Amino acid sequence: MNIEGLDALDNAILKVIKNDARMSYSDIGAKVGLSRPAVKNRMDIMESKGIIQGYQTIINSSRIPEGVKFF
């Protein structure tokens, strides 16, 4: 993933969270070479610009125990 108009660090952050959006800011920072506050600031800016629009949970229904229902 490489979004034109974003710098290399923002693109690196997006690449990391694409694979695991629940990763902590500290862990993301360790992967891209930034501090936790710097990662949070960059992600907040990308959220405010609509580049990051949310975080998704994918539920594997084949792993749900029998008899459990959800909507």
C-alpha atoms as a PDB file:
ATOM      1  CA  MET A   1       0.000   0.000   0.000  1.00  0.00           C
ATOM      2  CA  ASN A   2       1.343   3.380  -0.996  1.00  0.00           C
ATOM      3  CA  ILE A   3      -1.008   6.353  -1.006  1.00  0.00           C
ATOM      4  CA  GLU A   4       0.251   9.221  -3.110  1.00  0.00           C
ATOM      5  CA  GLY A   5       0.381  12.475  -1.174  1.00  0.00           C
ATOM      6  CA  LEU A   6       1.313  10.813   2.125  1.00  0.00           C
ATOM      7  CA  ASP A   7       4.866  10.649   3.332  1.00  0.00           C
ATOM      8  CA  ALA A   8       6.736   7.393   3.820  1.00  0.00           C
ATOM      9  CA  LEU A   9       5.993   7.246   7.560  1.00  0.00           C
ATOM     10  CA  ASP A  10       2.228   7.630   7.132  1.00  0.00           C
ATOM     11  CA  ASN A  11       2.293   4.954   4.432  1.00  0.00           C
ATOM     12  CA  ALA A  12       4.312   2.696   6.742  1.00  0.00           C
ATOM     13  CA  ILE A  13       1.768   3.189   9.536  1.00  0.00           C
ATOM     14  CA  LEU A  14      -1.092   2.297   7.187  1.00  0.00           C
ATOM     15  CA  LYS A  15       0.736  -0.817   6.046  1.00  0.00           C
ATOM     16  CA  VAL A  16       1.225  -1.937   9.655  1.00  0.00           C
ATOM     17  CA  ILE A  17      -2.366  -1.327  10.777  1.00  0.00           C
ATOM     18  CA  LYS A  18      -3.764  -2.936   7.634  1.00  0.00           C
ATOM     19  CA  ASN A  19      -2.546  -6.255   9.021  1.00  0.00           C
ATOM     20  CA  ASP A  20      -3.426  -5.575  12.678  1.00  0.00           C
ATOM     21  CA  ALA A  21      -5.543  -2.519  13.484  1.00  0.00           C
ATOM     22  CA  ARG A  22      -5.567  -3.412  17.196  1.00  0.00           C
ATOM     23  CA  MET A  23      -1.814  -2.971  17.537  1.00  0.00           C
ATOM     24  CA  SER A  24      -0.807  -0.404  20.165  1.00  0.00           C
ATOM     25  CA  TYR A  25       0.689   2.946  19.191  1.00  0.00           C
ATOM     26  CA  SER A  26       3.921   1.843  20.879  1.00  0.00           C
ATOM     27  CA  ASP A  27       4.097  -1.353  18.829  1.00  0.00           C
ATOM     28  CA  ILE A  28       3.323   0.525  15.615  1.00  0.00           C
ATOM     29  CA  GLY A  29       6.018   3.051  16.497  1.00  0.00           C
ATOM     30  CA  ALA A  30       8.559   0.294  17.060  1.00  0.00           C
ATOM     31  CA  LYS A  31       7.852  -1.046  13.574  1.00  0.00           C
ATOM     32  CA  VAL A  32       8.043   2.318  11.785  1.00  0.00           C
ATOM     33  CA  GLY A  33      10.667   4.091  13.910  1.00  0.00           C
ATOM     34  CA  LEU A  34       8.466   6.632  15.710  1.00  0.00           C
ATOM     35  CA  SER A  35       7.482   7.327  19.310  1.00  0.00           C
ATOM     36  CA  ARG A  36       4.028   6.425  20.619  1.00  0.00           C
ATOM     37  CA  PRO A  37       2.871  10.090  20.685  1.00  0.00           C
ATOM     38  CA  ALA A  38       4.110  10.653  17.121  1.00  0.00           C
ATOM     39  CA  VAL A  39       2.171   7.612  15.857  1.00  0.00           C
ATOM     40  CA  LYS A  40      -0.984   8.713  17.693  1.00  0.00           C
ATOM     41  CA  ASN A  41      -0.691  12.232  16.287  1.00  0.00           C
ATOM     42  CA  ARG A  42      -0.231  10.973  12.729  1.00  0.00           C
ATOM     43  CA  MET A  43      -3.127   8.523  13.047  1.00  0.00           C
ATOM     44  CA  ASP A  44      -5.384  11.226  14.535  1.00  0.00           C
ATOM     45  CA  ILE A  45      -4.578  13.482  11.569  1.00  0.00           C
ATOM     46  CA  MET A  46      -5.262  10.678   9.071  1.00  0.00           C
ATOM     47  CA  GLU A  47      -8.585   9.995  10.845  1.00  0.00           C
ATOM     48  CA  SER A  48      -9.567  13.688  10.729  1.00  0.00           C
ATOM     49  CA  LYS A  49      -8.779  13.787   6.988  1.00  0.00           C
ATOM     50  CA  GLY A  50     -10.884  10.664   6.391  1.00  0.00           C
ATOM     51  CA  ILE A  51      -7.925   8.540   5.296  1.00  0.00           C
ATOM     52  CA  ILE A  52      -8.568   6.184   8.206  1.00  0.00           C
ATOM     53  CA  GLN A  53     -12.317   5.810   8.523  1.00  0.00           C
ATOM     54  CA  GLY A  54     -12.599   3.092  11.101  1.00  0.00           C
ATOM     55  CA  TYR A  55     -11.351  -0.191  12.391  1.00  0.00           C
ATOM     56  CA  GLN A  56     -13.029  -3.437  11.467  1.00  0.00           C
ATOM     57  CA  THR A  57     -13.663  -6.651  13.347  1.00  0.00           C
ATOM     58  CA  ILE A  58     -14.016  -9.776  11.256  1.00  0.00           C
ATOM     59  CA  ILE A  59     -15.940 -12.564  12.960  1.00  0.00           C
ATOM     60  CA  ASN A  60     -15.385 -16.122  11.799  1.00  0.00           C
ATOM     61  CA  SER A  61     -18.818 -17.660  12.294  1.00  0.00           C
ATOM     62  CA  SER A  62     -17.392 -21.183  12.009  1.00  0.00           C
ATOM     63  CA  ARG A  63     -15.517 -20.564  15.299  1.00  0.00           C
ATOM     64  CA  ILE A  64     -18.602 -19.476  17.279  1.00  0.00           C
ATOM     65  CA  PRO A  65     -19.700 -22.109  19.830  1.00  0.00           C
ATOM     66  CA  GLU A  66     -22.851 -24.007  18.875  1.00  0.00           C
ATOM     67  CA  GLY A  67     -26.007 -22.368  20.205  1.00  0.00           C
ATOM     68  CA  VAL A  68     -24.545 -18.879  20.473  1.00  0.00           C
ATOM     69  CA  LYS A  69     -26.416 -16.291  18.418  1.00  0.00           C
ATOM     70  CA  PHE A  70     -25.412 -12.776  17.572  1.00  0.00           C
ATOM     71  CA  PHE A  71     -26.744 -10.116  15.260  1.00  0.00           C
END
